[in-house]
Amino acid sequence: MSASPSVGGHHHPSAVGTTLVFLAAVGFSVKAVLIKIIYGYGVDAATVLALRMLFSAPFFIALAIWQGRSQPPVEVTPQDWATLAMLGFTGYYLASWLDFLGLQYVSAGFERLILFLYPTMVVLLSAWFLHERIRSRHMVALALSYGGIGVVFYEQLTQGSDHSDIVLGGTLIFASAFIYSVYLIASSKIIHRFGAVRFTAWAMLVSAVVAMVQFLATHRMAALDLPLPVYGLSLTMAVVATVLPALFMSEGLRRVGANHASLVGSIGPICTLFLGWVFLGERVTWLQVGGGALVLAGVLLVSVRRPAA
C-alpha cells in the first residue's frame, strides 16, 4: 500500500512537486505488475511479501535513524510506540498481505482500481466514527466509484474467467483497501508525534518484522532457493515501487498540496492498466476503461477539496 498523509493549506503547484507526485504514482502502479511477474516463477504470496520487506527494510532503517537525528526531540510515550506497532501491523503488513493474496486471482489493473477506492472508504469511515458530514458531492462520488467498480467487476466475470477466483480476489483486495483506510484515520491521531517520514519508516519496519516471522514460521529456508530474476524483481519492487514512491509522494505533497497531488496521482490506475497490457498481456476493453473512468471521477470528487471562500 502507499502512504498519503493529508496536507492542508493552499499550495501553488511547482514543476518539481508535480514531477515527484507523478513519479510516485507511476512507482506505486508498478507494484502489482511486478508481483504478477514473480508469481509466474511459482513463488507464493508469503515469500514475495517477505522479499519485498527484506529488501526495503535497510532503506527504512536509514530513514528512521536520519529522521530521529534531524527532527527536534518529541516526547514519545510507550503507548505511542505500541499504537505505532499496531498500526504498522494492520496498515502495512495485513493490508499488504491481503493485497498480495488477492493478486493471485485477479488482474493487476482490476487490483489497482479496487485499491484506488480507499479515499471513498475514508469518507464513509469518517462519517461513521468521527461523525463528519457526508456532503452531496460525496454521495455522487460514492455512486460513481462503486458503480464503476461494479461495471469492471461485471466485465471481469463475462471474460470467461473463473467466477470464484474473481470474487475471492476482489474481496481480498477490497478488504486490503478497507484496512488501509482504517489505518489512515487511526494514524492521523498520532502521526504528528513522530513526523510523517519517521512514522512511516518505523511502521514499515514493524511490517517487515511480521512478514519475516510469517515466512520463517511457514517455510523452510530452502524456499529461498529461487531463480535469480525473482531476487532482481523483488529488489526492484522494494526500491522502485515501495521506498522511492513513499519519499517522492511525501515531498511532492509538501510542495504542491493534497488537491494537486490527487489530480496527478490519478494517473496510477491508468498506468497499471497500460503496464498490465504490455507486460502481462492483460486485456483492456472499452467497458473496463469506462468503469475505470467512473472510479477515477468519483475518487477525485472526494479527494480534491474546494478552496475556502
C-alpha atoms as a PDB file:
ATOM      1  CA  MET A   1       0.000   0.000   0.000  1.00  0.00           C
ATOM      2  CA  SER A   2       1.007   3.770  -0.323  1.00  0.00           C
ATOM      3  CA  ALA A   3       1.064   6.407   2.447  1.00  0.00           C
ATOM      4  CA  SER A   4      -0.886   9.567   1.699  1.00  0.00           C
ATOM      5  CA  PRO A   5      -0.611  11.975   4.604  1.00  0.00           C
ATOM      6  CA  SER A   6      -3.097  14.797   4.489  1.00  0.00           C
ATOM      7  CA  VAL A   7      -1.622  18.184   3.732  1.00  0.00           C
ATOM      8  CA  GLY A   8      -3.583  21.270   4.428  1.00  0.00           C
ATOM      9  CA  GLY A   9      -3.232  24.865   3.360  1.00  0.00           C
ATOM     10  CA  HIS A  10      -3.043  26.472  -0.071  1.00  0.00           C
ATOM     11  CA  HIS A  11      -0.155  25.497  -2.327  1.00  0.00           C
ATOM     12  CA  HIS A  12       0.938  26.762  -5.691  1.00  0.00           C
ATOM     13  CA  PRO A  13       1.834  23.704  -7.796  1.00  0.00           C
ATOM     14  CA  SER A  14       5.500  23.550  -8.745  1.00  0.00           C
ATOM     15  CA  ALA A  15       7.070  21.635 -11.598  1.00  0.00           C
ATOM     16  CA  VAL A  16       9.310  19.715  -9.198  1.00  0.00           C
ATOM     17  CA  GLY A  17       6.429  18.798  -6.891  1.00  0.00           C
ATOM     18  CA  THR A  18       4.223  17.715  -9.778  1.00  0.00           C
ATOM     19  CA  THR A  19       7.021  15.559 -11.174  1.00  0.00           C
ATOM     20  CA  LEU A  20       7.619  13.913  -7.785  1.00  0.00           C
ATOM     21  CA  VAL A  21       3.943  13.061  -7.351  1.00  0.00           C
ATOM     22  CA  PHE A  22       3.779  11.728 -10.912  1.00  0.00           C
ATOM     23  CA  LEU A  23       6.843   9.518 -10.338  1.00  0.00           C
ATOM     24  CA  ALA A  24       5.362   8.288  -7.052  1.00  0.00           C
ATOM     25  CA  ALA A  25       2.085   7.360  -8.751  1.00  0.00           C
ATOM     26  CA  VAL A  26       3.918   5.507 -11.508  1.00  0.00           C
ATOM     27  CA  GLY A  27       6.130   3.748  -8.951  1.00  0.00           C
ATOM     28  CA  PHE A  28       3.170   2.549  -6.894  1.00  0.00           C
ATOM     29  CA  SER A  29       1.408   1.382 -10.066  1.00  0.00           C
ATOM     30  CA  VAL A  30       4.353  -0.875 -10.972  1.00  0.00           C
ATOM     31  CA  LYS A  31       3.991  -2.973  -7.809  1.00  0.00           C
ATOM     32  CA  ALA A  32       1.087  -5.156  -8.934  1.00  0.00           C
ATOM     33  CA  VAL A  33       2.714  -5.869 -12.299  1.00  0.00           C
ATOM     34  CA  LEU A  34       5.985  -6.948 -10.654  1.00  0.00           C
ATOM     35  CA  ILE A  35       4.109  -9.204  -8.227  1.00  0.00           C
ATOM     36  CA  LYS A  36       2.228 -10.898 -11.062  1.00  0.00           C
ATOM     37  CA  ILE A  37       5.505 -11.485 -12.928  1.00  0.00           C
ATOM     38  CA  ILE A  38       7.101 -13.011  -9.808  1.00  0.00           C
ATOM     39  CA  TYR A  39       4.084 -15.289  -9.344  1.00  0.00           C
ATOM     40  CA  GLY A  40       4.901 -16.632 -12.795  1.00  0.00           C
ATOM     41  CA  TYR A  41       8.014 -18.238 -11.271  1.00  0.00           C
ATOM     42  CA  GLY A  42       5.862 -20.295  -8.878  1.00  0.00           C
ATOM     43  CA  VAL A  43       6.567 -18.140  -5.814  1.00  0.00           C
ATOM     44  CA  ASP A  44       3.800 -17.828  -3.203  1.00  0.00           C
ATOM     45  CA  ALA A  45       2.435 -14.627  -1.653  1.00  0.00           C
ATOM     46  CA  ALA A  46       4.179 -15.008   1.721  1.00  0.00           C
ATOM     47  CA  THR A  47       7.584 -15.321   0.067  1.00  0.00           C
ATOM     48  CA  VAL A  48       7.030 -12.363  -2.251  1.00  0.00           C
ATOM     49  CA  LEU A  49       5.916 -10.169   0.666  1.00  0.00           C
ATOM     50  CA  ALA A  50       8.880 -11.264   2.783  1.00  0.00           C
ATOM     51  CA  LEU A  51      11.343 -10.489  -0.024  1.00  0.00           C
ATOM     52  CA  ARG A  52       9.779  -7.081  -0.606  1.00  0.00           C
ATOM     53  CA  MET A  53      10.050  -6.148   3.055  1.00  0.00           C
ATOM     54  CA  LEU A  54      13.516  -7.666   3.445  1.00  0.00           C
ATOM     55  CA  PHE A  55      14.931  -5.581   0.603  1.00  0.00           C
ATOM     56  CA  SER A  56      13.166  -2.403   1.659  1.00  0.00           C
ATOM     57  CA  ALA A  57      13.983  -2.670   5.387  1.00  0.00           C
ATOM     58  CA  PRO A  58      17.555  -1.261   5.171  1.00  0.00           C
ATOM     59  CA  PHE A  59      16.235   1.901   3.499  1.00  0.00           C
ATOM     60  CA  PHE A  60      13.585   2.413   6.171  1.00  0.00           C
ATOM     61  CA  ILE A  61      16.120   1.776   8.941  1.00  0.00           C
ATOM     62  CA  ALA A  62      18.285   4.531   7.469  1.00  0.00           C
ATOM     63  CA  LEU A  63      15.253   6.830   7.197  1.00  0.00           C
ATOM     64  CA  ALA A  64      14.198   6.182  10.797  1.00  0.00           C
ATOM     65  CA  ILE A  65      17.719   6.939  12.098  1.00  0.00           C
ATOM     66  CA  TRP A  66      18.116  10.028   9.916  1.00  0.00           C
ATOM     67  CA  GLN A  67      14.731  11.454  10.853  1.00  0.00           C
ATOM     68  CA  GLY A  68      15.350  10.703  14.520  1.00  0.00           C
ATOM     69  CA  ARG A  69      18.527  12.788  14.448  1.00  0.00           C
ATOM     70  CA  SER A  70      17.319  15.641  12.237  1.00  0.00           C
ATOM     71  CA  GLN A  71      13.987  16.333  13.939  1.00  0.00           C
ATOM     72  CA  PRO A  72      13.741  18.104  17.298  1.00  0.00           C
ATOM     73  CA  PRO A  73      13.147  15.703  20.193  1.00  0.00           C
ATOM     74  CA  VAL A  74       9.473  14.940  20.912  1.00  0.00           C
ATOM     75  CA  GLU A  75       8.291  13.116  23.984  1.00  0.00           C
ATOM     76  CA  VAL A  76       7.004   9.827  22.598  1.00  0.00           C
ATOM     77  CA  THR A  77       5.396   7.586  25.189  1.00  0.00           C
ATOM     78  CA  PRO A  78       5.440   3.767  25.287  1.00  0.00           C
ATOM     79  CA  GLN A  79       1.751   3.919  24.415  1.00  0.00           C
ATOM     80  CA  ASP A  80       2.636   5.893  21.261  1.00  0.00           C
ATOM     81  CA  TRP A  81       5.112   3.189  20.246  1.00  0.00           C
ATOM     82  CA  ALA A  82       2.536   0.472  20.939  1.00  0.00           C
ATOM     83  CA  THR A  83       0.000   2.310  18.784  1.00  0.00           C
ATOM     84  CA  LEU A  84       2.580   2.696  16.010  1.00  0.00           C
ATOM     85  CA  ALA A  85       3.354  -1.037  16.159  1.00  0.00           C
ATOM     86  CA  MET A  86      -0.347  -1.920  15.934  1.00  0.00           C
ATOM     87  CA  LEU A  87      -0.859   0.458  13.004  1.00  0.00           C
ATOM     88  CA  GLY A  88       2.236  -0.867  11.237  1.00  0.00           C
ATOM     89  CA  PHE A  89       0.892  -4.392  11.608  1.00  0.00           C
ATOM     90  CA  THR A  90      -2.558  -3.569  10.250  1.00  0.00           C
ATOM     91  CA  GLY A  91      -1.864  -0.760   7.779  1.00  0.00           C
ATOM     92  CA  TYR A  92       1.242  -2.144   6.108  1.00  0.00           C
ATOM     93  CA  TYR A  93       1.530  -5.857   6.879  1.00  0.00           C
ATOM     94  CA  LEU A  94      -2.095  -7.042   6.975  1.00  0.00           C
ATOM     95  CA  ALA A  95      -3.289  -4.757   4.174  1.00  0.00           C
ATOM     96  CA  SER A  96      -0.324  -5.775   2.010  1.00  0.00           C
ATOM     97  CA  TRP A  97      -0.803  -9.471   2.783  1.00  0.00           C
ATOM     98  CA  LEU A  98      -4.447  -9.383   1.684  1.00  0.00           C
ATOM     99  CA  ASP A  99      -3.472  -7.428  -1.429  1.00  0.00           C
ATOM    100  CA  PHE A 100      -0.764  -9.946  -2.349  1.00  0.00           C
ATOM    101  CA  LEU A 101      -3.179 -12.826  -1.826  1.00  0.00           C
ATOM    102  CA  GLY A 102      -5.827 -11.166  -3.967  1.00  0.00           C
ATOM    103  CA  LEU A 103      -3.395 -10.627  -6.824  1.00  0.00           C
ATOM    104  CA  GLN A 104      -3.165 -14.389  -7.219  1.00  0.00           C
ATOM    105  CA  TYR A 105      -6.744 -14.345  -8.563  1.00  0.00           C
ATOM    106  CA  VAL A 106      -7.339 -11.045 -10.395  1.00  0.00           C
ATOM    107  CA  SER A 107      -5.567  -8.871 -12.930  1.00  0.00           C
ATOM    108  CA  ALA A 108      -3.165  -6.103 -11.952  1.00  0.00           C
ATOM    109  CA  GLY A 109      -5.428  -3.455 -13.466  1.00  0.00           C
ATOM    110  CA  PHE A 110      -8.502  -4.621 -11.548  1.00  0.00           C
ATOM    111  CA  GLU A 111      -6.477  -4.744  -8.318  1.00  0.00           C
ATOM    112  CA  ARG A 112      -5.303  -1.162  -8.717  1.00  0.00           C
ATOM    113  CA  LEU A 113      -8.827   0.127  -9.342  1.00  0.00           C
ATOM    114  CA  ILE A 114     -10.142  -1.549  -6.187  1.00  0.00           C
ATOM    115  CA  LEU A 115      -7.269  -0.210  -4.079  1.00  0.00           C
ATOM    116  CA  PHE A 116      -7.889   3.249  -5.515  1.00  0.00           C
ATOM    117  CA  LEU A 117     -11.264   3.265  -3.727  1.00  0.00           C
ATOM    118  CA  TYR A 118      -9.658   3.895  -0.343  1.00  0.00           C
ATOM    119  CA  PRO A 119     -10.401   7.672  -0.270  1.00  0.00           C
ATOM    120  CA  THR A 120     -14.116   6.902  -0.571  1.00  0.00           C
ATOM    121  CA  MET A 121     -13.797   4.424   2.290  1.00  0.00           C
ATOM    122  CA  VAL A 122     -12.114   7.104   4.400  1.00  0.00           C
ATOM    123  CA  VAL A 123     -15.141   9.351   3.816  1.00  0.00           C
ATOM    124  CA  LEU A 124     -17.562   6.637   4.959  1.00  0.00           C
ATOM    125  CA  LEU A 125     -15.464   5.648   7.964  1.00  0.00           C
ATOM    126  CA  SER A 126     -15.000   9.288   8.982  1.00  0.00           C
ATOM    127  CA  ALA A 127     -18.759   9.754   8.892  1.00  0.00           C
ATOM    128  CA  TRP A 128     -19.297   6.628  10.972  1.00  0.00           C
ATOM    129  CA  PHE A 129     -16.573   7.015  13.612  1.00  0.00           C
ATOM    130  CA  LEU A 130     -15.787  10.755  13.576  1.00  0.00           C
ATOM    131  CA  HIS A 131     -19.336  11.944  12.826  1.00  0.00           C
ATOM    132  CA  GLU A 132     -18.140  14.011   9.879  1.00  0.00           C
ATOM    133  CA  ARG A 133     -20.821  15.205   7.495  1.00  0.00           C
ATOM    134  CA  ILE A 134     -21.243  13.456   4.140  1.00  0.00           C
ATOM    135  CA  ARG A 135     -21.959  16.151   1.578  1.00  0.00           C
ATOM    136  CA  SER A 136     -23.924  15.780  -1.632  1.00  0.00           C
ATOM    137  CA  ARG A 137     -20.774  15.644  -3.758  1.00  0.00           C
ATOM    138  CA  HIS A 138     -19.568  12.761  -1.580  1.00  0.00           C
ATOM    139  CA  MET A 139     -22.754  10.849  -2.364  1.00  0.00           C
ATOM    140  CA  VAL A 140     -22.233  11.456  -6.079  1.00  0.00           C
ATOM    141  CA  ALA A 141     -18.603  10.380  -5.750  1.00  0.00           C
ATOM    142  CA  LEU A 142     -19.554   7.163  -3.967  1.00  0.00           C
ATOM    143  CA  ALA A 143     -22.152   6.349  -6.641  1.00  0.00           C
ATOM    144  CA  LEU A 144     -19.616   6.961  -9.417  1.00  0.00           C
ATOM    145  CA  SER A 145     -16.785   4.994  -7.783  1.00  0.00           C
ATOM    146  CA  TYR A 146     -18.711   1.921  -6.743  1.00  0.00           C
ATOM    147  CA  GLY A 147     -20.764   1.984  -9.917  1.00  0.00           C
ATOM    148  CA  GLY A 148     -17.510   1.970 -11.866  1.00  0.00           C
ATOM    149  CA  ILE A 149     -16.158  -0.958  -9.846  1.00  0.00           C
ATOM    150  CA  GLY A 150     -19.426  -2.771 -10.479  1.00  0.00           C
ATOM    151  CA  VAL A 151     -19.010  -2.257 -14.229  1.00  0.00           C
ATOM    152  CA  VAL A 152     -15.420  -3.557 -14.184  1.00  0.00           C
ATOM    153  CA  PHE A 153     -16.410  -6.466 -11.928  1.00  0.00           C
ATOM    154  CA  TYR A 154     -19.179  -7.435 -14.352  1.00  0.00           C
ATOM    155  CA  GLU A 155     -16.739  -7.138 -17.251  1.00  0.00           C
ATOM    156  CA  GLN A 156     -14.272  -9.450 -15.464  1.00  0.00           C
ATOM    157  CA  LEU A 157     -16.974 -12.057 -14.865  1.00  0.00           C
ATOM    158  CA  THR A 158     -18.013 -12.046 -18.531  1.00  0.00           C
ATOM    159  CA  GLN A 159     -14.466 -12.592 -19.799  1.00  0.00           C
ATOM    160  CA  GLY A 160     -14.664 -16.315 -19.149  1.00  0.00           C
ATOM    161  CA  SER A 161     -12.501 -16.243 -16.015  1.00  0.00           C
ATOM    162  CA  ASP A 162     -13.284 -18.429 -13.002  1.00  0.00           C
ATOM    163  CA  HIS A 163     -16.067 -16.560 -11.206  1.00  0.00           C
ATOM    164  CA  SER A 164     -15.000 -17.829  -7.777  1.00  0.00           C
ATOM    165  CA  ASP A 165     -11.450 -16.545  -8.359  1.00  0.00           C
ATOM    166  CA  ILE A 166     -12.712 -13.091  -9.357  1.00  0.00           C
ATOM    167  CA  VAL A 167     -14.983 -12.869  -6.311  1.00  0.00           C
ATOM    168  CA  LEU A 168     -12.305 -14.146  -3.912  1.00  0.00           C
ATOM    169  CA  GLY A 169      -9.552 -11.935  -5.306  1.00  0.00           C
ATOM    170  CA  GLY A 170     -11.765  -8.860  -5.431  1.00  0.00           C
ATOM    171  CA  THR A 171     -12.951  -9.443  -1.858  1.00  0.00           C
ATOM    172  CA  LEU A 172      -9.391  -9.820  -0.526  1.00  0.00           C
ATOM    173  CA  ILE A 173      -8.225  -6.633  -2.235  1.00  0.00           C
ATOM    174  CA  PHE A 174     -11.320  -4.717  -1.129  1.00  0.00           C
ATOM    175  CA  ALA A 175     -10.568  -5.829   2.441  1.00  0.00           C
ATOM    176  CA  SER A 176      -6.994  -4.610   1.957  1.00  0.00           C
ATOM    177  CA  ALA A 177      -8.221  -1.166   0.892  1.00  0.00           C
ATOM    178  CA  PHE A 178     -10.656  -1.067   3.814  1.00  0.00           C
ATOM    179  CA  ILE A 179      -7.960  -1.908   6.363  1.00  0.00           C
ATOM    180  CA  TYR A 180      -5.661   0.700   4.862  1.00  0.00           C
ATOM    181  CA  SER A 181      -8.463   3.277   5.166  1.00  0.00           C
ATOM    182  CA  VAL A 182      -8.853   2.424   8.858  1.00  0.00           C
ATOM    183  CA  TYR A 183      -5.089   2.814   9.226  1.00  0.00           C
ATOM    184  CA  LEU A 184      -5.168   6.278   7.649  1.00  0.00           C
ATOM    185  CA  ILE A 185      -7.857   7.504  10.023  1.00  0.00           C
ATOM    186  CA  ALA A 186      -6.242   5.974  13.117  1.00  0.00           C
ATOM    187  CA  SER A 187      -2.719   7.153  12.242  1.00  0.00           C
ATOM    188  CA  SER A 188      -3.895  10.745  11.786  1.00  0.00           C
ATOM    189  CA  LYS A 189      -4.240  10.959  15.580  1.00  0.00           C
ATOM    190  CA  ILE A 190      -0.619  10.052  16.299  1.00  0.00           C
ATOM    191  CA  ILE A 191       1.486  10.646  13.187  1.00  0.00           C
ATOM    192  CA  HIS A 192       2.335  14.231  14.224  1.00  0.00           C
ATOM    193  CA  ARG A 193       4.163  12.956  17.304  1.00  0.00           C
ATOM    194  CA  PHE A 194       6.696  11.116  15.174  1.00  0.00           C
ATOM    195  CA  GLY A 195       6.669  13.109  11.937  1.00  0.00           C
ATOM    196  CA  ALA A 196       5.290  11.645   8.710  1.00  0.00           C
ATOM    197  CA  VAL A 197       8.500  10.139   7.308  1.00  0.00           C
ATOM    198  CA  ARG A 198       9.709   8.806  10.639  1.00  0.00           C
ATOM    199  CA  PHE A 199       6.307   7.298  11.419  1.00  0.00           C
ATOM    200  CA  THR A 200       6.122   5.624   8.020  1.00  0.00           C
ATOM    201  CA  ALA A 201       9.668   4.264   8.350  1.00  0.00           C
ATOM    202  CA  TRP A 202       9.012   2.656  11.735  1.00  0.00           C
ATOM    203  CA  ALA A 203       5.583   1.342  10.680  1.00  0.00           C
ATOM    204  CA  MET A 204       7.143  -0.262   7.609  1.00  0.00           C
ATOM    205  CA  LEU A 205       9.834  -1.853   9.793  1.00  0.00           C
ATOM    206  CA  VAL A 206       7.142  -3.372  12.013  1.00  0.00           C
ATOM    207  CA  SER A 207       5.556  -4.774   8.864  1.00  0.00           C
ATOM    208  CA  ALA A 208       8.914  -6.155   7.733  1.00  0.00           C
ATOM    209  CA  VAL A 209       9.450  -7.990  11.021  1.00  0.00           C
ATOM    210  CA  VAL A 210       5.972  -9.543  10.918  1.00  0.00           C
ATOM    211  CA  ALA A 211       6.383 -10.561   7.265  1.00  0.00           C
ATOM    212  CA  MET A 212       9.702 -12.264   8.021  1.00  0.00           C
ATOM    213  CA  VAL A 213       8.269 -14.040  11.086  1.00  0.00           C
ATOM    214  CA  GLN A 214       5.368 -15.295   8.975  1.00  0.00           C
ATOM    215  CA  PHE A 215       7.741 -16.581   6.315  1.00  0.00           C
ATOM    216  CA  LEU A 216      10.018 -18.337   8.817  1.00  0.00           C
ATOM    217  CA  ALA A 217       7.016 -19.913  10.558  1.00  0.00           C
ATOM    218  CA  THR A 218       5.512 -21.310   7.367  1.00  0.00           C
ATOM    219  CA  HIS A 219       8.510 -22.028   5.118  1.00  0.00           C
ATOM    220  CA  ARG A 220      11.858 -23.729   5.252  1.00  0.00           C
ATOM    221  CA  MET A 221      14.961 -21.769   4.339  1.00  0.00           C
ATOM    222  CA  ALA A 222      15.177 -23.881   1.177  1.00  0.00           C
ATOM    223  CA  ALA A 223      12.189 -21.858  -0.061  1.00  0.00           C
ATOM    224  CA  LEU A 224      14.639 -19.005  -0.674  1.00  0.00           C
ATOM    225  CA  ASP A 225      16.429 -21.062  -3.325  1.00  0.00           C
ATOM    226  CA  LEU A 226      14.755 -19.099  -6.097  1.00  0.00           C
ATOM    227  CA  PRO A 227      15.686 -18.117  -9.655  1.00  0.00           C
ATOM    228  CA  LEU A 228      17.890 -15.040  -9.836  1.00  0.00           C
ATOM    229  CA  PRO A 229      15.236 -12.946 -11.674  1.00  0.00           C
ATOM    230  CA  VAL A 230      12.939 -13.295  -8.637  1.00  0.00           C
ATOM    231  CA  TYR A 231      15.509 -11.514  -6.473  1.00  0.00           C
ATOM    232  CA  GLY A 232      16.053  -8.853  -9.100  1.00  0.00           C
ATOM    233  CA  LEU A 233      12.315  -8.224  -9.435  1.00  0.00           C
ATOM    234  CA  SER A 234      11.874  -8.196  -5.647  1.00  0.00           C
ATOM    235  CA  LEU A 235      14.666  -5.649  -5.230  1.00  0.00           C
ATOM    236  CA  THR A 236      13.107  -3.529  -7.969  1.00  0.00           C
ATOM    237  CA  MET A 237       9.746  -3.719  -6.212  1.00  0.00           C
ATOM    238  CA  ALA A 238      11.316  -2.713  -2.885  1.00  0.00           C
ATOM    239  CA  VAL A 239      13.143   0.306  -4.313  1.00  0.00           C
ATOM    240  CA  VAL A 240      11.054   1.457  -7.294  1.00  0.00           C
ATOM    241  CA  ALA A 241       7.579   0.516  -6.023  1.00  0.00           C
ATOM    242  CA  THR A 242       7.973   0.970  -2.252  1.00  0.00           C
ATOM    243  CA  VAL A 243      10.753   3.205  -0.916  1.00  0.00           C
ATOM    244  CA  LEU A 244      11.148   5.814  -3.654  1.00  0.00           C
ATOM    245  CA  PRO A 245       7.399   6.382  -4.238  1.00  0.00           C
ATOM    246  CA  ALA A 246       6.858   6.886  -0.490  1.00  0.00           C
ATOM    247  CA  LEU A 247       9.601   9.521  -0.375  1.00  0.00           C
ATOM    248  CA  PHE A 248       8.541  11.173  -3.638  1.00  0.00           C
ATOM    249  CA  MET A 249       4.905  11.382  -2.536  1.00  0.00           C
ATOM    250  CA  SER A 250       5.818  12.818   0.854  1.00  0.00           C
ATOM    251  CA  GLU A 251       7.982  15.545  -0.679  1.00  0.00           C
ATOM    252  CA  GLY A 252       5.541  16.127  -3.538  1.00  0.00           C
ATOM    253  CA  LEU A 253       2.662  16.649  -1.114  1.00  0.00           C
ATOM    254  CA  ARG A 254       4.736  19.185   0.777  1.00  0.00           C
ATOM    255  CA  ARG A 255       5.408  21.134  -2.417  1.00  0.00           C
ATOM    256  CA  VAL A 256       2.047  21.061  -4.200  1.00  0.00           C
ATOM    257  CA  GLY A 257      -0.585  20.173  -1.592  1.00  0.00           C
ATOM    258  CA  ALA A 258      -3.147  17.385  -1.424  1.00  0.00           C
ATOM    259  CA  ASN A 259      -5.503  18.716  -4.116  1.00  0.00           C
ATOM    260  CA  HIS A 260      -2.938  18.899  -6.880  1.00  0.00           C
ATOM    261  CA  ALA A 261      -1.362  15.622  -5.748  1.00  0.00           C
ATOM    262  CA  SER A 262      -4.745  13.887  -6.018  1.00  0.00           C
ATOM    263  CA  LEU A 263      -5.149  15.077  -9.591  1.00  0.00           C
ATOM    264  CA  VAL A 264      -1.659  13.995 -10.650  1.00  0.00           C
ATOM    265  CA  GLY A 265      -1.853  10.737  -8.696  1.00  0.00           C
ATOM    266  CA  SER A 266      -4.931   9.628 -10.601  1.00  0.00           C
ATOM    267  CA  ILE A 267      -2.552   8.519 -13.359  1.00  0.00           C
ATOM    268  CA  GLY A 268      -1.736   5.464 -11.202  1.00  0.00           C
ATOM    269  CA  PRO A 269      -4.582   3.113 -12.174  1.00  0.00           C
ATOM    270  CA  ILE A 270      -4.259   4.146 -15.824  1.00  0.00           C
ATOM    271  CA  CYS A 271      -0.556   3.343 -15.700  1.00  0.00           C
ATOM    272  CA  THR A 272      -1.239  -0.075 -14.134  1.00  0.00           C
ATOM    273  CA  LEU A 273      -3.769  -0.912 -16.863  1.00  0.00           C
ATOM    274  CA  PHE A 274      -1.206   0.020 -19.516  1.00  0.00           C
ATOM    275  CA  LEU A 275       1.667  -1.888 -17.883  1.00  0.00           C
ATOM    276  CA  GLY A 276      -0.548  -4.933 -17.340  1.00  0.00           C
ATOM    277  CA  TRP A 277      -1.432  -4.873 -21.037  1.00  0.00           C
ATOM    278  CA  VAL A 278       2.230  -4.520 -22.123  1.00  0.00           C
ATOM    279  CA  PHE A 279       3.992  -6.906 -19.714  1.00  0.00           C
ATOM    280  CA  LEU A 280       1.264  -9.337 -18.639  1.00  0.00           C
ATOM    281  CA  GLY A 281      -0.905  -9.477 -21.734  1.00  0.00           C
ATOM    282  CA  GLU A 282      -3.990  -8.403 -19.773  1.00  0.00           C
ATOM    283  CA  ARG A 283      -6.967  -7.392 -21.898  1.00  0.00           C
ATOM    284  CA  VAL A 284      -8.105  -3.795 -21.788  1.00  0.00           C
ATOM    285  CA  THR A 285     -11.686  -3.428 -23.003  1.00  0.00           C
ATOM    286  CA  TRP A 286     -13.790  -0.313 -23.510  1.00  0.00           C
ATOM    287  CA  LEU A 287     -16.093  -1.451 -20.703  1.00  0.00           C
ATOM    288  CA  GLN A 288     -13.102  -1.687 -18.391  1.00  0.00           C
ATOM    289  CA  VAL A 289     -11.898   1.765 -19.445  1.00  0.00           C
ATOM    290  CA  GLY A 290     -15.383   3.214 -18.880  1.00  0.00           C
ATOM    291  CA  GLY A 291     -15.681   1.655 -15.429  1.00  0.00           C
ATOM    292  CA  GLY A 292     -12.189   2.849 -14.544  1.00  0.00           C
ATOM    293  CA  ALA A 293     -13.093   6.384 -15.635  1.00  0.00           C
ATOM    294  CA  LEU A 294     -16.101   6.333 -13.273  1.00  0.00           C
ATOM    295  CA  VAL A 295     -13.881   5.187 -10.404  1.00  0.00           C
ATOM    296  CA  LEU A 296     -11.322   7.924 -11.096  1.00  0.00           C
ATOM    297  CA  ALA A 297     -14.035  10.579 -11.340  1.00  0.00           C
ATOM    298  CA  GLY A 298     -15.559   9.525  -8.039  1.00  0.00           C
ATOM    299  CA  VAL A 299     -12.248   9.356  -6.186  1.00  0.00           C
ATOM    300  CA  LEU A 300     -11.171  12.776  -7.487  1.00  0.00           C
ATOM    301  CA  LEU A 301     -14.522  14.249  -6.435  1.00  0.00           C
ATOM    302  CA  VAL A 302     -13.850  13.016  -2.902  1.00  0.00           C
ATOM    303  CA  SER A 303     -10.130  13.763  -2.777  1.00  0.00           C
ATOM    304  CA  VAL A 304      -9.956  17.268  -4.255  1.00  0.00           C
ATOM    305  CA  ARG A 305     -11.226  19.818  -1.778  1.00  0.00           C
ATOM    306  CA  ARG A 306     -12.815  23.051  -2.876  1.00  0.00           C
ATOM    307  CA  PRO A 307     -10.905  26.185  -1.823  1.00  0.00           C
ATOM    308  CA  ALA A 308     -12.404  28.111   1.043  1.00  0.00           C
ATOM    309  CA  ALA A 309     -14.261  31.297   0.154  1.00  0.00           C
END
